[in-house]
Amino acid sequence: MPPESPMPDVINFDLDGTILNVESRFRRALNAARAIEGLSPMEVADFHVRYRSGGLSSDVRPERIEPFWRTFLDRFCFDPGETLGEPYPGVFDALDRIRAAGIRTAIITNRSAPSDHVAEELDRLGIRGHFDLVLSQGSFNFRQVGGSWCKSSMILHAAESFAVGPNRMAMVGDLSVDITSARTAGCGWAVAVRSGGSPAHELERVGPDAIVDSVADLIDHFGL
């Protein structure tokens, strides 16, 4: 059943691939993990192909897959160097319009760093003030649903923090897990963005309410 109102009270945003372009950061962490496994660095073109095909660890020995990705997560979340990422074009304007309409905003990310660590990093990037709440999986109990880390516990925590029902919240993200998490938590809106590079068929498969190119397109989507 469609929401009674055309606009949510709260919009929750995924961070990496949705608000921030973190391709350089991702590849840096990936290549650090590859180096430990004795593998050569992955060049940009190969990275793009293998990211879309799900083959980023296809040349890692099977018994080393788990430590490989553990190293990747540690480097990506805690040791990014200067490659923090940068907001996608139009993100600031979109967030300003959203907040001017009285809609509150939150970051809900699957980073393994604690929420306050992510908030501090957003401060360094100068974008913390665009969000009322920052939640990271590192401060919650990871829950795996369908092979992905579900964000439903964070979404429900955000609903409680904002004193609204999940049906009055939207979830916006670049991965299928963002959409399935929104459905699991009972969000009234689930919007996928193409900015993170997920294959279109993967996003379509989980049935978002809409697929837009980027966060900048939410202005038209919600009629702001």
N, C-alpha and C. Protein backbone atom coordinates (compact mmCIF):
# COMPACT_ATOMS: atom_id res chain seq x y z
N MET A 1 0.85 -1.19 0.00
CA MET A 1 0.00 0.00 0.00
C MET A 1 0.89 1.24 0.00
N PRO A 2 0.66 2.23 -0.88
CA PRO A 2 1.52 3.41 -0.94
C PRO A 2 1.35 4.27 0.30
N PRO A 3 2.40 5.01 0.69
CA PRO A 3 2.31 5.89 1.85
C PRO A 3 1.21 6.93 1.68
N GLU A 4 0.62 7.38 2.79
CA GLU A 4 -0.46 8.37 2.74
C GLU A 4 0.06 9.73 2.29
N SER A 5 1.29 10.04 2.63
CA SER A 5 1.88 11.33 2.29
C SER A 5 2.91 11.14 1.19
N PRO A 6 3.07 12.13 0.28
CA PRO A 6 4.06 11.98 -0.79
C PRO A 6 5.50 12.13 -0.31
N MET A 7 5.68 12.59 0.94
CA MET A 7 7.03 12.80 1.44
C MET A 7 7.20 12.14 2.81
N PRO A 8 8.38 11.57 3.05
CA PRO A 8 8.66 10.97 4.36
C PRO A 8 9.00 12.04 5.40
N ASP A 9 8.96 11.65 6.65
CA ASP A 9 9.40 12.54 7.73
C ASP A 9 10.92 12.48 7.90
N VAL A 10 11.50 11.34 7.56
CA VAL A 10 12.94 11.11 7.70
C VAL A 10 13.44 10.38 6.46
N ILE A 11 14.60 10.79 5.97
CA ILE A 11 15.26 10.04 4.90
C ILE A 11 16.59 9.52 5.43
N ASN A 12 16.74 8.21 5.42
CA ASN A 12 18.00 7.56 5.81
C ASN A 12 18.84 7.32 4.55
N PHE A 13 20.09 7.67 4.64
CA PHE A 13 20.99 7.51 3.50
C PHE A 13 22.11 6.52 3.82
N ASP A 14 22.35 5.61 2.90
CA ASP A 14 23.61 4.87 2.92
C ASP A 14 24.71 5.90 2.67
N LEU A 15 25.94 5.56 3.02
CA LEU A 15 27.04 6.52 2.88
C LEU A 15 27.89 6.27 1.63
N ASP A 16 28.58 5.14 1.59
CA ASP A 16 29.53 4.86 0.51
C ASP A 16 28.82 4.43 -0.76
N GLY A 17 29.06 5.16 -1.85
CA GLY A 17 28.40 4.89 -3.11
C GLY A 17 27.06 5.60 -3.25
N THR A 18 26.63 6.24 -2.17
CA THR A 18 25.35 6.97 -2.19
C THR A 18 25.58 8.45 -1.95
N ILE A 19 26.19 8.78 -0.82
CA ILE A 19 26.57 10.16 -0.53
C ILE A 19 28.00 10.43 -1.00
N LEU A 20 28.89 9.48 -0.74
CA LEU A 20 30.31 9.66 -1.07
C LEU A 20 30.76 8.74 -2.20
N ASN A 21 31.55 9.29 -3.10
CA ASN A 21 32.27 8.49 -4.09
C ASN A 21 33.54 7.99 -3.41
N VAL A 22 33.61 6.69 -3.13
CA VAL A 22 34.75 6.13 -2.41
C VAL A 22 35.51 5.12 -3.26
N GLU A 23 35.45 5.27 -4.57
CA GLU A 23 36.11 4.30 -5.44
C GLU A 23 37.61 4.22 -5.16
N SER A 24 38.28 5.36 -5.03
CA SER A 24 39.72 5.36 -4.79
C SER A 24 40.04 4.73 -3.43
N ARG A 25 39.24 5.05 -2.46
CA ARG A 25 39.41 4.48 -1.11
C ARG A 25 39.22 2.96 -1.14
N PHE A 26 38.19 2.52 -1.85
CA PHE A 26 37.88 1.10 -1.95
C PHE A 26 39.03 0.35 -2.61
N ARG A 27 39.52 0.89 -3.73
CA ARG A 27 40.58 0.21 -4.48
C ARG A 27 41.88 0.21 -3.68
N ARG A 28 42.15 1.27 -2.95
CA ARG A 28 43.35 1.33 -2.12
C ARG A 28 43.31 0.22 -1.06
N ALA A 29 42.16 0.07 -0.39
CA ALA A 29 42.02 -0.97 0.63
C ALA A 29 42.09 -2.35 0.00
N LEU A 30 41.48 -2.49 -1.16
CA LEU A 30 41.50 -3.78 -1.84
C LEU A 30 42.92 -4.18 -2.21
N ASN A 31 43.68 -3.24 -2.74
CA ASN A 31 45.04 -3.55 -3.15
C ASN A 31 45.95 -3.80 -1.95
N ALA A 32 45.66 -3.18 -0.80
CA ALA A 32 46.42 -3.48 0.41
C ALA A 32 46.19 -4.93 0.83
N ALA A 33 44.93 -5.37 0.72
CA ALA A 33 44.61 -6.76 1.06
C ALA A 33 45.23 -7.72 0.04
N ARG A 34 45.24 -7.31 -1.23
CA ARG A 34 45.84 -8.15 -2.27
C ARG A 34 47.35 -8.29 -2.05
N ALA A 35 47.99 -7.23 -1.62
CA ALA A 35 49.43 -7.28 -1.38
C ALA A 35 49.78 -8.31 -0.31
N ILE A 36 48.97 -8.38 0.73
CA ILE A 36 49.21 -9.36 1.79
C ILE A 36 49.09 -10.78 1.26
N GLU A 37 48.23 -10.96 0.27
CA GLU A 37 48.04 -12.28 -0.34
C GLU A 37 49.04 -12.56 -1.46
N GLY A 38 49.96 -11.62 -1.70
CA GLY A 38 50.96 -11.82 -2.75
C GLY A 38 50.43 -11.59 -4.15
N LEU A 39 49.34 -10.83 -4.26
CA LEU A 39 48.71 -10.56 -5.54
C LEU A 39 49.08 -9.16 -6.03
N SER A 40 49.11 -8.98 -7.32
CA SER A 40 49.45 -7.68 -7.90
C SER A 40 48.29 -6.69 -7.72
N PRO A 41 48.58 -5.40 -7.72
CA PRO A 41 47.52 -4.39 -7.58
C PRO A 41 46.51 -4.50 -8.71
N MET A 42 45.28 -4.19 -8.41
CA MET A 42 44.22 -4.23 -9.40
C MET A 42 44.09 -2.85 -10.03
N GLU A 43 44.25 -2.79 -11.34
CA GLU A 43 44.15 -1.51 -12.03
C GLU A 43 42.68 -1.09 -12.16
N VAL A 44 42.48 0.19 -12.49
CA VAL A 44 41.15 0.78 -12.49
C VAL A 44 40.18 0.03 -13.40
N ALA A 45 40.59 -0.23 -14.64
CA ALA A 45 39.70 -0.87 -15.60
C ALA A 45 39.29 -2.27 -15.13
N ASP A 46 40.27 -3.03 -14.63
CA ASP A 46 39.98 -4.38 -14.14
C ASP A 46 39.07 -4.31 -12.92
N PHE A 47 39.31 -3.33 -12.06
CA PHE A 47 38.47 -3.15 -10.87
C PHE A 47 37.01 -2.94 -11.27
N HIS A 48 36.77 -2.07 -12.24
CA HIS A 48 35.40 -1.79 -12.67
C HIS A 48 34.70 -3.05 -13.17
N VAL A 49 35.41 -3.82 -13.99
CA VAL A 49 34.82 -5.05 -14.54
C VAL A 49 34.51 -6.04 -13.44
N ARG A 50 35.47 -6.24 -12.55
CA ARG A 50 35.31 -7.26 -11.52
C ARG A 50 34.36 -6.81 -10.41
N TYR A 51 34.25 -5.52 -10.18
CA TYR A 51 33.27 -5.03 -9.20
C TYR A 51 31.86 -5.38 -9.66
N ARG A 52 31.59 -5.15 -10.93
CA ARG A 52 30.25 -5.40 -11.47
C ARG A 52 29.94 -6.88 -11.62
N SER A 53 30.98 -7.70 -11.74
CA SER A 53 30.75 -9.14 -11.92
C SER A 53 30.83 -9.92 -10.61
N GLY A 54 31.19 -9.21 -9.53
CA GLY A 54 31.33 -9.89 -8.25
C GLY A 54 32.60 -10.71 -8.14
N GLY A 55 33.63 -10.37 -8.91
CA GLY A 55 34.84 -11.17 -8.94
C GLY A 55 36.04 -10.53 -8.28
N LEU A 56 35.84 -9.67 -7.30
CA LEU A 56 36.96 -8.95 -6.70
C LEU A 56 37.92 -9.86 -5.93
N SER A 57 37.44 -10.99 -5.48
CA SER A 57 38.34 -11.91 -4.76
C SER A 57 38.46 -13.24 -5.48
N SER A 58 38.19 -13.26 -6.78
CA SER A 58 38.19 -14.51 -7.53
C SER A 58 39.57 -15.16 -7.63
N ASP A 59 40.64 -14.36 -7.48
CA ASP A 59 41.98 -14.94 -7.55
C ASP A 59 42.62 -15.11 -6.17
N VAL A 60 41.83 -14.97 -5.13
CA VAL A 60 42.31 -15.22 -3.77
C VAL A 60 42.06 -16.69 -3.45
N ARG A 61 43.04 -17.33 -2.80
CA ARG A 61 42.87 -18.74 -2.45
C ARG A 61 41.64 -18.93 -1.55
N PRO A 62 40.85 -19.94 -1.77
CA PRO A 62 39.60 -20.12 -1.02
C PRO A 62 39.77 -20.04 0.50
N GLU A 63 40.84 -20.63 1.01
CA GLU A 63 41.03 -20.62 2.47
C GLU A 63 41.44 -19.25 2.99
N ARG A 64 41.75 -18.31 2.07
CA ARG A 64 42.18 -16.97 2.47
C ARG A 64 41.11 -15.90 2.22
N ILE A 65 39.93 -16.31 1.74
CA ILE A 65 38.89 -15.34 1.42
C ILE A 65 38.49 -14.53 2.66
N GLU A 66 38.21 -15.21 3.76
CA GLU A 66 37.76 -14.51 4.96
C GLU A 66 38.80 -13.53 5.48
N PRO A 67 40.07 -13.93 5.69
CA PRO A 67 41.07 -12.95 6.15
C PRO A 67 41.32 -11.84 5.13
N PHE A 68 41.18 -12.17 3.84
CA PHE A 68 41.35 -11.15 2.80
C PHE A 68 40.33 -10.02 3.00
N TRP A 69 39.06 -10.37 3.14
CA TRP A 69 38.03 -9.34 3.30
C TRP A 69 38.09 -8.67 4.66
N ARG A 70 38.60 -9.38 5.67
CA ARG A 70 38.78 -8.75 6.98
C ARG A 70 39.83 -7.66 6.89
N THR A 71 40.92 -7.96 6.19
CA THR A 71 41.96 -6.95 5.98
C THR A 71 41.41 -5.76 5.19
N PHE A 72 40.65 -6.06 4.14
CA PHE A 72 40.04 -5.00 3.35
C PHE A 72 39.19 -4.09 4.23
N LEU A 73 38.32 -4.65 5.04
CA LEU A 73 37.43 -3.84 5.88
C LEU A 73 38.22 -2.99 6.88
N ASP A 74 39.26 -3.58 7.46
CA ASP A 74 40.08 -2.82 8.41
C ASP A 74 40.72 -1.62 7.73
N ARG A 75 41.27 -1.83 6.53
CA ARG A 75 41.92 -0.74 5.80
C ARG A 75 40.88 0.29 5.34
N PHE A 76 39.76 -0.20 4.80
CA PHE A 76 38.74 0.72 4.28
C PHE A 76 38.15 1.58 5.39
N CYS A 77 37.84 0.98 6.52
CA CYS A 77 37.14 1.70 7.59
C CYS A 77 38.06 2.49 8.50
N PHE A 78 39.25 1.96 8.78
CA PHE A 78 40.09 2.56 9.81
C PHE A 78 41.39 3.18 9.30
N ASP A 79 41.81 2.83 8.08
CA ASP A 79 43.10 3.34 7.59
C ASP A 79 42.99 3.74 6.12
N PRO A 80 42.13 4.74 5.82
CA PRO A 80 41.94 5.12 4.42
C PRO A 80 42.99 6.06 3.88
N GLY A 81 43.94 6.50 4.72
CA GLY A 81 44.89 7.50 4.28
C GLY A 81 44.17 8.81 4.01
N GLU A 82 44.53 9.47 2.94
CA GLU A 82 43.87 10.72 2.57
C GLU A 82 42.69 10.50 1.63
N THR A 83 42.42 9.25 1.29
CA THR A 83 41.36 8.95 0.32
C THR A 83 40.03 8.72 1.03
N LEU A 84 39.52 9.75 1.70
CA LEU A 84 38.28 9.61 2.46
C LEU A 84 37.07 9.46 1.55
N GLY A 85 37.15 10.04 0.37
CA GLY A 85 36.01 10.07 -0.55
C GLY A 85 35.54 11.50 -0.74
N GLU A 86 34.65 11.68 -1.70
CA GLU A 86 34.12 13.02 -1.94
C GLU A 86 32.64 12.92 -2.29
N PRO A 87 31.87 13.90 -1.86
CA PRO A 87 30.43 13.87 -2.16
C PRO A 87 30.18 13.88 -3.66
N TYR A 88 29.18 13.13 -4.09
CA TYR A 88 28.79 13.15 -5.49
C TYR A 88 28.22 14.53 -5.85
N PRO A 89 28.31 14.93 -7.10
CA PRO A 89 27.76 16.23 -7.52
C PRO A 89 26.27 16.35 -7.17
N GLY A 90 25.92 17.50 -6.64
CA GLY A 90 24.53 17.79 -6.34
C GLY A 90 24.04 17.31 -5.00
N VAL A 91 24.89 16.57 -4.26
CA VAL A 91 24.46 16.03 -2.96
C VAL A 91 24.14 17.14 -1.97
N PHE A 92 25.01 18.13 -1.86
CA PHE A 92 24.77 19.19 -0.88
C PHE A 92 23.49 19.95 -1.17
N ASP A 93 23.28 20.30 -2.43
CA ASP A 93 22.06 21.03 -2.79
C ASP A 93 20.82 20.20 -2.48
N ALA A 94 20.88 18.93 -2.78
CA ALA A 94 19.74 18.05 -2.50
C ALA A 94 19.46 17.97 -1.01
N LEU A 95 20.51 17.80 -0.21
CA LEU A 95 20.33 17.72 1.24
C LEU A 95 19.78 19.03 1.80
N ASP A 96 20.26 20.15 1.28
CA ASP A 96 19.75 21.45 1.73
C ASP A 96 18.25 21.58 1.43
N ARG A 97 17.85 21.15 0.25
CA ARG A 97 16.43 21.22 -0.13
C ARG A 97 15.58 20.29 0.73
N ILE A 98 16.10 19.11 0.96
CA ILE A 98 15.39 18.12 1.77
C ILE A 98 15.18 18.65 3.19
N ARG A 99 16.23 19.18 3.77
CA ARG A 99 16.14 19.65 5.15
C ARG A 99 15.32 20.94 5.24
N ALA A 100 15.37 21.76 4.21
CA ALA A 100 14.55 22.98 4.19
C ALA A 100 13.06 22.64 4.15
N ALA A 101 12.73 21.45 3.63
CA ALA A 101 11.34 21.00 3.58
C ALA A 101 10.89 20.40 4.91
N GLY A 102 11.78 20.39 5.90
CA GLY A 102 11.43 19.87 7.21
C GLY A 102 11.66 18.38 7.37
N ILE A 103 12.32 17.78 6.39
CA ILE A 103 12.60 16.34 6.45
C ILE A 103 13.95 16.15 7.16
N ARG A 104 13.97 15.30 8.17
CA ARG A 104 15.21 15.02 8.87
C ARG A 104 16.02 13.94 8.13
N THR A 105 17.30 13.91 8.40
CA THR A 105 18.19 13.04 7.62
C THR A 105 19.12 12.25 8.53
N ALA A 106 19.47 11.05 8.09
CA ALA A 106 20.38 10.20 8.84
C ALA A 106 21.28 9.43 7.89
N ILE A 107 22.47 9.11 8.37
CA ILE A 107 23.38 8.20 7.69
C ILE A 107 23.23 6.84 8.35
N ILE A 108 23.03 5.81 7.53
CA ILE A 108 22.98 4.43 8.02
C ILE A 108 23.92 3.62 7.15
N THR A 109 25.09 3.28 7.70
CA THR A 109 26.14 2.66 6.91
C THR A 109 26.57 1.32 7.50
N ASN A 110 27.00 0.43 6.63
CA ASN A 110 27.50 -0.87 7.07
C ASN A 110 28.99 -0.87 7.37
N ARG A 111 29.59 0.30 7.50
CA ARG A 111 31.00 0.32 7.89
C ARG A 111 31.16 -0.35 9.26
N SER A 112 32.28 -1.03 9.44
CA SER A 112 32.52 -1.74 10.69
C SER A 112 33.08 -0.83 11.78
N ALA A 113 33.37 0.41 11.45
CA ALA A 113 33.81 1.38 12.46
C ALA A 113 32.61 1.83 13.29
N PRO A 114 32.81 2.21 14.56
CA PRO A 114 31.70 2.70 15.38
C PRO A 114 31.08 3.97 14.79
N SER A 115 29.87 4.25 15.21
CA SER A 115 29.14 5.41 14.68
C SER A 115 29.89 6.71 14.91
N ASP A 116 30.47 6.89 16.11
CA ASP A 116 31.16 8.15 16.39
C ASP A 116 32.40 8.31 15.53
N HIS A 117 33.03 7.20 15.15
CA HIS A 117 34.20 7.25 14.26
C HIS A 117 33.78 7.76 12.88
N VAL A 118 32.66 7.24 12.38
CA VAL A 118 32.15 7.69 11.08
C VAL A 118 31.75 9.15 11.15
N ALA A 119 31.10 9.55 12.24
CA ALA A 119 30.68 10.95 12.40
C ALA A 119 31.90 11.88 12.40
N GLU A 120 32.97 11.47 13.06
CA GLU A 120 34.19 12.28 13.08
C GLU A 120 34.77 12.42 11.67
N GLU A 121 34.70 11.34 10.89
CA GLU A 121 35.21 11.41 9.53
C GLU A 121 34.35 12.36 8.68
N LEU A 122 33.03 12.34 8.89
CA LEU A 122 32.16 13.27 8.17
C LEU A 122 32.47 14.71 8.56
N ASP A 123 32.88 14.91 9.82
CA ASP A 123 33.32 16.24 10.26
C ASP A 123 34.54 16.67 9.46
N ARG A 124 35.49 15.77 9.26
CA ARG A 124 36.70 16.08 8.51
C ARG A 124 36.37 16.45 7.07
N LEU A 125 35.32 15.84 6.54
CA LEU A 125 34.90 16.14 5.17
C LEU A 125 34.01 17.38 5.09
N GLY A 126 33.62 17.89 6.26
CA GLY A 126 32.78 19.09 6.29
C GLY A 126 31.32 18.83 5.97
N ILE A 127 30.85 17.58 6.16
CA ILE A 127 29.46 17.29 5.80
C ILE A 127 28.64 16.75 6.97
N ARG A 128 29.21 16.71 8.16
CA ARG A 128 28.47 16.17 9.31
C ARG A 128 27.19 16.95 9.58
N GLY A 129 27.23 18.27 9.38
CA GLY A 129 26.09 19.11 9.67
C GLY A 129 24.88 18.89 8.79
N HIS A 130 25.03 18.10 7.73
CA HIS A 130 23.91 17.81 6.84
C HIS A 130 23.04 16.65 7.35
N PHE A 131 23.45 16.05 8.48
CA PHE A 131 22.73 14.88 8.98
C PHE A 131 22.41 15.02 10.46
N ASP A 132 21.20 14.65 10.81
CA ASP A 132 20.77 14.72 12.21
C ASP A 132 21.29 13.54 13.02
N LEU A 133 21.62 12.45 12.36
CA LEU A 133 22.01 11.23 13.05
C LEU A 133 22.96 10.44 12.16
N VAL A 134 23.96 9.82 12.78
CA VAL A 134 24.91 8.97 12.05
C VAL A 134 24.97 7.62 12.77
N LEU A 135 24.61 6.56 12.07
CA LEU A 135 24.64 5.21 12.63
C LEU A 135 25.49 4.31 11.76
N SER A 136 26.34 3.52 12.39
CA SER A 136 27.21 2.60 11.67
C SER A 136 27.08 1.20 12.24
N GLN A 137 27.22 0.20 11.38
CA GLN A 137 27.09 -1.19 11.79
C GLN A 137 28.09 -1.56 12.88
N GLY A 138 29.21 -0.85 12.94
CA GLY A 138 30.20 -1.13 13.98
C GLY A 138 29.69 -0.93 15.38
N SER A 139 28.60 -0.18 15.54
CA SER A 139 28.00 0.03 16.86
C SER A 139 26.76 -0.84 17.07
N PHE A 140 26.47 -1.71 16.12
CA PHE A 140 25.29 -2.57 16.20
C PHE A 140 25.70 -4.02 15.99
N ASN A 141 24.78 -4.91 16.27
CA ASN A 141 25.05 -6.33 16.03
C ASN A 141 24.79 -6.64 14.56
N PHE A 142 25.80 -7.12 13.88
CA PHE A 142 25.64 -7.45 12.47
C PHE A 142 24.59 -8.54 12.32
N ARG A 143 23.73 -8.39 11.34
CA ARG A 143 22.71 -9.39 11.04
C ARG A 143 22.77 -9.70 9.56
N GLN A 144 22.98 -10.95 9.24
CA GLN A 144 23.11 -11.34 7.84
C GLN A 144 21.77 -11.86 7.32
N VAL A 145 21.32 -11.27 6.21
CA VAL A 145 20.08 -11.69 5.56
C VAL A 145 20.37 -11.89 4.08
N GLY A 146 20.16 -13.11 3.60
CA GLY A 146 20.39 -13.38 2.18
C GLY A 146 21.81 -13.13 1.74
N GLY A 147 22.77 -13.34 2.63
CA GLY A 147 24.17 -13.17 2.27
C GLY A 147 24.69 -11.75 2.40
N SER A 148 23.85 -10.81 2.85
CA SER A 148 24.28 -9.42 3.01
C SER A 148 24.01 -8.96 4.43
N TRP A 149 24.75 -7.94 4.82
CA TRP A 149 24.57 -7.41 6.17
C TRP A 149 23.36 -6.49 6.20
N CYS A 150 22.32 -6.93 6.90
CA CYS A 150 21.05 -6.20 6.94
C CYS A 150 21.17 -4.97 7.84
N LYS A 151 20.55 -3.87 7.45
CA LYS A 151 20.59 -2.62 8.20
C LYS A 151 19.31 -2.36 8.99
N SER A 152 18.44 -3.36 9.09
CA SER A 152 17.13 -3.11 9.68
C SER A 152 17.22 -2.67 11.14
N SER A 153 18.18 -3.21 11.90
CA SER A 153 18.29 -2.81 13.31
C SER A 153 18.66 -1.33 13.44
N MET A 154 19.50 -0.84 12.53
CA MET A 154 19.86 0.58 12.55
C MET A 154 18.68 1.45 12.12
N ILE A 155 17.93 0.99 11.13
CA ILE A 155 16.76 1.74 10.67
C ILE A 155 15.75 1.86 11.80
N LEU A 156 15.51 0.77 12.51
CA LEU A 156 14.55 0.79 13.62
C LEU A 156 15.07 1.66 14.77
N HIS A 157 16.37 1.66 14.99
CA HIS A 157 16.95 2.54 16.01
C HIS A 157 16.76 4.00 15.62
N ALA A 158 16.95 4.29 14.34
CA ALA A 158 16.75 5.66 13.86
C ALA A 158 15.28 6.08 14.04
N ALA A 159 14.36 5.16 13.73
CA ALA A 159 12.94 5.48 13.90
C ALA A 159 12.63 5.82 15.35
N GLU A 160 13.21 5.07 16.26
CA GLU A 160 13.01 5.35 17.69
C GLU A 160 13.63 6.69 18.07
N SER A 161 14.81 6.97 17.55
CA SER A 161 15.49 8.23 17.87
C SER A 161 14.70 9.43 17.37
N PHE A 162 14.09 9.31 16.20
CA PHE A 162 13.31 10.40 15.63
C PHE A 162 11.85 10.38 16.09
N ALA A 163 11.47 9.33 16.84
CA ALA A 163 10.09 9.19 17.33
C ALA A 163 9.09 9.18 16.19
N VAL A 164 9.40 8.40 15.16
CA VAL A 164 8.49 8.21 14.03
C VAL A 164 8.37 6.72 13.74
N GLY A 165 7.32 6.32 13.09
CA GLY A 165 7.20 4.93 12.66
C GLY A 165 8.08 4.69 11.45
N PRO A 166 8.59 3.47 11.29
CA PRO A 166 9.41 3.16 10.12
C PRO A 166 8.68 3.46 8.81
N ASN A 167 7.34 3.35 8.83
CA ASN A 167 6.56 3.62 7.62
C ASN A 167 6.61 5.08 7.20
N ARG A 168 7.12 5.95 8.08
CA ARG A 168 7.26 7.37 7.76
C ARG A 168 8.70 7.71 7.38
N MET A 169 9.50 6.66 7.15
CA MET A 169 10.91 6.85 6.82
C MET A 169 11.19 6.31 5.42
N ALA A 170 12.19 6.91 4.77
CA ALA A 170 12.70 6.41 3.49
C ALA A 170 14.12 5.90 3.71
N MET A 171 14.50 4.92 2.91
CA MET A 171 15.89 4.45 2.87
C MET A 171 16.38 4.61 1.46
N VAL A 172 17.55 5.27 1.30
CA VAL A 172 18.14 5.52 -0.01
C VAL A 172 19.54 4.91 -0.02
N GLY A 173 19.81 4.05 -1.01
CA GLY A 173 21.12 3.43 -1.07
C GLY A 173 21.45 2.87 -2.43
N ASP A 174 22.72 2.49 -2.60
CA ASP A 174 23.20 2.04 -3.91
C ASP A 174 23.30 0.53 -4.02
N LEU A 175 22.99 -0.19 -2.96
CA LEU A 175 23.10 -1.65 -2.98
C LEU A 175 21.76 -2.31 -2.71
N SER A 176 21.63 -3.54 -3.15
CA SER A 176 20.38 -4.26 -2.93
C SER A 176 20.08 -4.43 -1.45
N VAL A 177 21.14 -4.53 -0.61
CA VAL A 177 20.92 -4.69 0.83
C VAL A 177 20.22 -3.47 1.43
N ASP A 178 20.43 -2.30 0.84
CA ASP A 178 19.74 -1.11 1.34
C ASP A 178 18.23 -1.24 1.14
N ILE A 179 17.85 -1.80 0.02
CA ILE A 179 16.43 -1.96 -0.29
C ILE A 179 15.82 -3.08 0.55
N THR A 180 16.51 -4.22 0.64
CA THR A 180 15.97 -5.32 1.44
C THR A 180 15.91 -4.94 2.92
N SER A 181 16.87 -4.15 3.38
CA SER A 181 16.85 -3.69 4.77
C SER A 181 15.65 -2.78 5.01
N ALA A 182 15.37 -1.90 4.05
CA ALA A 182 14.22 -1.01 4.17
C ALA A 182 12.93 -1.82 4.25
N ARG A 183 12.80 -2.84 3.43
CA ARG A 183 11.61 -3.69 3.44
C ARG A 183 11.50 -4.44 4.76
N THR A 184 12.62 -4.98 5.23
CA THR A 184 12.61 -5.74 6.49
C THR A 184 12.19 -4.86 7.66
N ALA A 185 12.65 -3.60 7.66
CA ALA A 185 12.32 -2.68 8.76
C ALA A 185 10.94 -2.05 8.62
N GLY A 186 10.32 -2.18 7.46
CA GLY A 186 8.99 -1.60 7.27
C GLY A 186 8.99 -0.15 6.82
N CYS A 187 10.06 0.27 6.13
CA CYS A 187 10.11 1.65 5.64
C CYS A 187 9.02 1.88 4.59
N GLY A 188 8.50 3.11 4.58
CA GLY A 188 7.47 3.46 3.61
C GLY A 188 8.01 3.72 2.22
N TRP A 189 9.30 4.01 2.12
CA TRP A 189 9.93 4.31 0.83
C TRP A 189 11.28 3.58 0.77
N ALA A 190 11.60 3.05 -0.39
CA ALA A 190 12.90 2.41 -0.62
C ALA A 190 13.37 2.84 -2.01
N VAL A 191 14.42 3.67 -2.05
CA VAL A 191 14.88 4.24 -3.31
C VAL A 191 16.33 3.81 -3.56
N ALA A 192 16.60 3.28 -4.73
CA ALA A 192 17.95 2.87 -5.11
C ALA A 192 18.59 3.94 -5.98
N VAL A 193 19.89 4.13 -5.80
CA VAL A 193 20.65 5.05 -6.65
C VAL A 193 21.69 4.26 -7.44
N ARG A 194 21.94 4.70 -8.67
CA ARG A 194 22.90 4.02 -9.54
C ARG A 194 24.33 4.49 -9.31
N SER A 195 24.52 5.52 -8.50
CA SER A 195 25.83 6.16 -8.37
C SER A 195 26.93 5.22 -7.90
N GLY A 196 26.57 4.20 -7.12
CA GLY A 196 27.60 3.29 -6.61
C GLY A 196 28.06 2.24 -7.59
N GLY A 197 27.39 2.14 -8.73
CA GLY A 197 27.85 1.22 -9.76
C GLY A 197 27.26 -0.18 -9.70
N SER A 198 26.25 -0.41 -8.84
CA SER A 198 25.62 -1.74 -8.81
C SER A 198 24.94 -2.03 -10.14
N PRO A 199 25.00 -3.25 -10.63
CA PRO A 199 24.31 -3.60 -11.88
C PRO A 199 22.82 -3.31 -11.76
N ALA A 200 22.22 -2.79 -12.82
CA ALA A 200 20.81 -2.43 -12.80
C ALA A 200 19.92 -3.62 -12.45
N HIS A 201 20.25 -4.78 -13.01
CA HIS A 201 19.41 -5.96 -12.76
C HIS A 201 19.41 -6.36 -11.30
N GLU A 202 20.55 -6.10 -10.61
CA GLU A 202 20.63 -6.44 -9.19
C GLU A 202 19.73 -5.54 -8.36
N LEU A 203 19.67 -4.26 -8.73
CA LEU A 203 18.80 -3.33 -8.02
C LEU A 203 17.33 -3.62 -8.33
N GLU A 204 17.05 -3.88 -9.60
CA GLU A 204 15.67 -4.15 -9.99
C GLU A 204 15.13 -5.41 -9.34
N ARG A 205 16.00 -6.38 -9.13
CA ARG A 205 15.59 -7.68 -8.58
C ARG A 205 14.94 -7.54 -7.20
N VAL A 206 15.39 -6.57 -6.39
CA VAL A 206 14.86 -6.44 -5.03
C VAL A 206 13.67 -5.49 -4.95
N GLY A 207 13.26 -4.94 -6.09
CA GLY A 207 12.01 -4.18 -6.15
C GLY A 207 11.96 -2.88 -5.38
N PRO A 208 12.88 -1.94 -5.63
CA PRO A 208 12.77 -0.63 -4.99
C PRO A 208 11.56 0.12 -5.53
N ASP A 209 11.12 1.13 -4.80
CA ASP A 209 10.01 1.96 -5.29
C ASP A 209 10.44 2.78 -6.49
N ALA A 210 11.72 3.11 -6.53
CA ALA A 210 12.27 3.88 -7.66
C ALA A 210 13.76 3.64 -7.73
N ILE A 211 14.32 3.80 -8.94
CA ILE A 211 15.76 3.80 -9.14
C ILE A 211 16.11 5.11 -9.82
N VAL A 212 16.99 5.90 -9.18
CA VAL A 212 17.39 7.18 -9.73
C VAL A 212 18.91 7.18 -9.90
N ASP A 213 19.41 8.13 -10.67
CA ASP A 213 20.84 8.16 -10.94
C ASP A 213 21.66 8.49 -9.69
N SER A 214 21.18 9.45 -8.91
CA SER A 214 21.96 9.88 -7.74
C SER A 214 21.05 10.56 -6.73
N VAL A 215 21.63 10.88 -5.58
CA VAL A 215 20.90 11.59 -4.53
C VAL A 215 20.35 12.92 -5.04
N ALA A 216 21.06 13.54 -5.97
CA ALA A 216 20.59 14.82 -6.53
C ALA A 216 19.21 14.69 -7.15
N ASP A 217 18.86 13.50 -7.64
CA ASP A 217 17.57 13.28 -8.31
C ASP A 217 16.41 13.12 -7.33
N LEU A 218 16.71 13.05 -6.03
CA LEU A 218 15.64 12.92 -5.05
C LEU A 218 14.76 14.17 -5.01
N ILE A 219 15.31 15.29 -5.40
CA ILE A 219 14.54 16.53 -5.42
C ILE A 219 13.31 16.37 -6.30
N ASP A 220 13.53 15.87 -7.50
CA ASP A 220 12.40 15.65 -8.41
C ASP A 220 11.54 14.48 -7.94
N HIS A 221 12.17 13.44 -7.43
CA HIS A 221 11.42 12.26 -7.01
C HIS A 221 10.39 12.58 -5.93
N PHE A 222 10.81 13.40 -4.96
CA PHE A 222 9.91 13.75 -3.87
C PHE A 222 9.18 15.09 -4.11
N GLY A 223 9.42 15.69 -5.26
CA GLY A 223 8.73 16.93 -5.60
C GLY A 223 9.10 18.10 -4.72
N LEU A 224 10.40 18.22 -4.40
CA LEU A 224 10.84 19.30 -3.51
C LEU A 224 11.27 20.54 -4.28
